[in-house]
């Protein structure tokens, strides 16, 4: 189960703001049946990092590095999708989501 996702934008994308990562991570660590694997983000649509994917991904890596001080097993850094995976990997992502590159454009669910 994925437990933490830093919020880097608004609208349809959600998660926990960077300032709440430690609190959520501590809560997950105390919860039976949950394990914190790491952090995940997608390129922001609005806000400080809108249009600045590389900077957003680098920020996620910095947040992940800080998180591992108290939660060393949280090594996953999931960032980037088919359109920006090179930037995410260059920033230090360990996981990327490439559904569109593999499966093509699909209709939105919901």
C-alpha atoms as a PDB file:
ATOM      1  CA  UNK A   1       0.000   0.000   0.000  1.00  0.00           C
ATOM      2  CA  UNK A   2       1.297   3.429  -0.851  1.00  0.00           C
ATOM      3  CA  UNK A   3       1.174   5.641   2.204  1.00  0.00           C
ATOM      4  CA  UNK A   4       2.581   9.060   1.373  1.00  0.00           C
ATOM      5  CA  UNK A   5       2.406  11.290  -1.661  1.00  0.00           C
ATOM      6  CA  UNK A   6       3.784  14.811  -1.411  1.00  0.00           C
ATOM      7  CA  UNK A   7       1.338  17.304  -2.835  1.00  0.00           C
ATOM      8  CA  UNK A   8       3.011  19.421  -5.497  1.00  0.00           C
ATOM      9  CA  UNK A   9      -0.069  20.896  -7.148  1.00  0.00           C
ATOM     10  CA  UNK A  10      -3.764  21.469  -6.733  1.00  0.00           C
ATOM     11  CA  UNK A  11      -6.956  20.298  -8.343  1.00  0.00           C
ATOM     12  CA  UNK A  12      -7.245  16.600  -9.080  1.00  0.00           C
ATOM     13  CA  UNK A  13      -3.884  15.710  -7.606  1.00  0.00           C
ATOM     14  CA  UNK A  14      -3.682  15.260  -3.873  1.00  0.00           C
ATOM     15  CA  UNK A  15      -1.636  13.883  -1.059  1.00  0.00           C
ATOM     16  CA  UNK A  16       0.160  15.304   1.910  1.00  0.00           C
ATOM     17  CA  UNK A  17       2.003  18.621   1.738  1.00  0.00           C
ATOM     18  CA  UNK A  18       5.773  18.412   2.248  1.00  0.00           C
ATOM     19  CA  UNK A  19       5.422  19.817   5.775  1.00  0.00           C
ATOM     20  CA  UNK A  20       3.234  16.862   6.758  1.00  0.00           C
ATOM     21  CA  UNK A  21       5.458  14.047   5.497  1.00  0.00           C
ATOM     22  CA  UNK A  22       7.175  13.316   8.816  1.00  0.00           C
ATOM     23  CA  UNK A  23       3.914  13.234  10.741  1.00  0.00           C
ATOM     24  CA  UNK A  24       2.299  10.877   8.236  1.00  0.00           C
ATOM     25  CA  UNK A  25       5.417   8.706   8.098  1.00  0.00           C
ATOM     26  CA  UNK A  26       5.450   8.406  11.890  1.00  0.00           C
ATOM     27  CA  UNK A  27       1.753   7.488  11.890  1.00  0.00           C
ATOM     28  CA  UNK A  28       2.323   4.800   9.250  1.00  0.00           C
ATOM     29  CA  UNK A  29       5.302   3.440  11.194  1.00  0.00           C
ATOM     30  CA  UNK A  30       3.099   3.015  14.283  1.00  0.00           C
ATOM     31  CA  UNK A  31       0.258   1.371  12.344  1.00  0.00           C
ATOM     32  CA  UNK A  32       0.000  -2.393  12.151  1.00  0.00           C
ATOM     33  CA  UNK A  33      -0.269  -3.691   8.609  1.00  0.00           C
ATOM     34  CA  UNK A  34       1.194  -0.597   6.935  1.00  0.00           C
ATOM     35  CA  UNK A  35       4.678  -0.062   5.569  1.00  0.00           C
ATOM     36  CA  UNK A  36       6.115   3.167   4.213  1.00  0.00           C
ATOM     37  CA  UNK A  37       8.011   2.426   1.002  1.00  0.00           C
ATOM     38  CA  UNK A  38       8.820   6.002   0.049  1.00  0.00           C
ATOM     39  CA  UNK A  39       7.433   9.088  -1.624  1.00  0.00           C
ATOM     40  CA  UNK A  40       5.644   9.751  -4.892  1.00  0.00           C
ATOM     41  CA  UNK A  41       4.732  12.815  -6.917  1.00  0.00           C
ATOM     42  CA  UNK A  42       3.606  13.811 -10.382  1.00  0.00           C
ATOM     43  CA  UNK A  43       4.597  16.958 -12.230  1.00  0.00           C
ATOM     44  CA  UNK A  44       2.578  19.818 -10.750  1.00  0.00           C
ATOM     45  CA  UNK A  45      -0.151  21.528 -12.761  1.00  0.00           C
ATOM     46  CA  UNK A  46      -0.210  24.710 -10.673  1.00  0.00           C
ATOM     47  CA  UNK A  47       1.705  26.438  -7.921  1.00  0.00           C
ATOM     48  CA  UNK A  48       5.375  27.071  -7.344  1.00  0.00           C
ATOM     49  CA  UNK A  49       6.573  24.104  -9.429  1.00  0.00           C
ATOM     50  CA  UNK A  50       4.097  24.342 -12.344  1.00  0.00           C
ATOM     51  CA  UNK A  51       6.013  23.834 -15.576  1.00  0.00           C
ATOM     52  CA  UNK A  52       9.199  23.123 -13.615  1.00  0.00           C
ATOM     53  CA  UNK A  53       9.203  19.327 -13.547  1.00  0.00           C
ATOM     54  CA  UNK A  54      12.939  18.988 -12.969  1.00  0.00           C
ATOM     55  CA  UNK A  55      12.826  21.275  -9.926  1.00  0.00           C
ATOM     56  CA  UNK A  56       9.771  19.437  -8.558  1.00  0.00           C
ATOM     57  CA  UNK A  57      11.458  16.059  -8.962  1.00  0.00           C
ATOM     58  CA  UNK A  58      14.665  17.324  -7.340  1.00  0.00           C
ATOM     59  CA  UNK A  59      12.593  18.620  -4.416  1.00  0.00           C
ATOM     60  CA  UNK A  60      11.005  15.175  -4.039  1.00  0.00           C
ATOM     61  CA  UNK A  61      14.449  13.576  -3.891  1.00  0.00           C
ATOM     62  CA  UNK A  62      15.487  16.093  -1.208  1.00  0.00           C
ATOM     63  CA  UNK A  63      12.336  15.301   0.785  1.00  0.00           C
ATOM     64  CA  UNK A  64      13.032  11.589   0.416  1.00  0.00           C
ATOM     65  CA  UNK A  65      16.591  12.004   1.656  1.00  0.00           C
ATOM     66  CA  UNK A  66      15.320  13.855   4.735  1.00  0.00           C
ATOM     67  CA  UNK A  67      12.615  11.250   5.345  1.00  0.00           C
ATOM     68  CA  UNK A  68      15.161   8.412   5.360  1.00  0.00           C
ATOM     69  CA  UNK A  69      16.904   9.885   8.409  1.00  0.00           C
ATOM     70  CA  UNK A  70      14.007   8.685  10.590  1.00  0.00           C
ATOM     71  CA  UNK A  71      12.616   6.048   8.188  1.00  0.00           C
ATOM     72  CA  UNK A  72      15.594   4.411   6.435  1.00  0.00           C
ATOM     73  CA  UNK A  73      13.485   1.751   4.701  1.00  0.00           C
ATOM     74  CA  UNK A  74      11.525   4.414   2.766  1.00  0.00           C
ATOM     75  CA  UNK A  75      13.802   4.252  -0.271  1.00  0.00           C
ATOM     76  CA  UNK A  76      11.282   4.484  -3.117  1.00  0.00           C
ATOM     77  CA  UNK A  77      11.167   7.755  -5.037  1.00  0.00           C
ATOM     78  CA  UNK A  78       8.332   7.535  -7.553  1.00  0.00           C
ATOM     79  CA  UNK A  79       8.218  10.465  -9.958  1.00  0.00           C
ATOM     80  CA  UNK A  80       7.660  11.033 -13.617  1.00  0.00           C
ATOM     81  CA  UNK A  81       5.411   9.580 -16.240  1.00  0.00           C
ATOM     82  CA  UNK A  82       5.807   8.820 -19.934  1.00  0.00           C
ATOM     83  CA  UNK A  83       6.222  12.483 -20.914  1.00  0.00           C
ATOM     84  CA  UNK A  84       8.842  13.457 -18.341  1.00  0.00           C
ATOM     85  CA  UNK A  85      10.483  10.233 -17.222  1.00  0.00           C
ATOM     86  CA  UNK A  86      13.957  11.342 -18.355  1.00  0.00           C
ATOM     87  CA  UNK A  87      13.785  14.374 -16.074  1.00  0.00           C
ATOM     88  CA  UNK A  88      12.556  12.247 -13.177  1.00  0.00           C
ATOM     89  CA  UNK A  89      15.331   9.686 -13.600  1.00  0.00           C
ATOM     90  CA  UNK A  90      17.932  12.454 -13.888  1.00  0.00           C
ATOM     91  CA  UNK A  91      16.649  13.894 -10.601  1.00  0.00           C
ATOM     92  CA  UNK A  92      16.980  10.526  -8.844  1.00  0.00           C
ATOM     93  CA  UNK A  93      13.625   8.749  -9.223  1.00  0.00           C
ATOM     94  CA  UNK A  94      13.757   5.018  -8.521  1.00  0.00           C
ATOM     95  CA  UNK A  95      10.311   4.348 -10.045  1.00  0.00           C
ATOM     96  CA  UNK A  96       8.537   5.937 -13.034  1.00  0.00           C
ATOM     97  CA  UNK A  97       5.041   5.410 -14.412  1.00  0.00           C
ATOM     98  CA  UNK A  98       5.072   4.746 -18.150  1.00  0.00           C
ATOM     99  CA  UNK A  99       1.528   3.580 -18.882  1.00  0.00           C
ATOM    100  CA  UNK A 100       0.923   5.879 -21.851  1.00  0.00           C
ATOM    101  CA  UNK A 101       4.256   4.957 -23.451  1.00  0.00           C
ATOM    102  CA  UNK A 102       3.402   1.264 -23.152  1.00  0.00           C
ATOM    103  CA  UNK A 103      -0.391   1.213 -23.593  1.00  0.00           C
ATOM    104  CA  UNK A 104      -1.071   4.417 -25.508  1.00  0.00           C
ATOM    105  CA  UNK A 105      -3.575   7.113 -24.610  1.00  0.00           C
ATOM    106  CA  UNK A 106      -6.562   5.669 -22.765  1.00  0.00           C
ATOM    107  CA  UNK A 107      -9.889   7.203 -21.756  1.00  0.00           C
ATOM    108  CA  UNK A 108     -10.055   8.694 -18.277  1.00  0.00           C
ATOM    109  CA  UNK A 109     -11.795   6.600 -15.681  1.00  0.00           C
ATOM    110  CA  UNK A 110     -14.593   8.059 -13.612  1.00  0.00           C
END
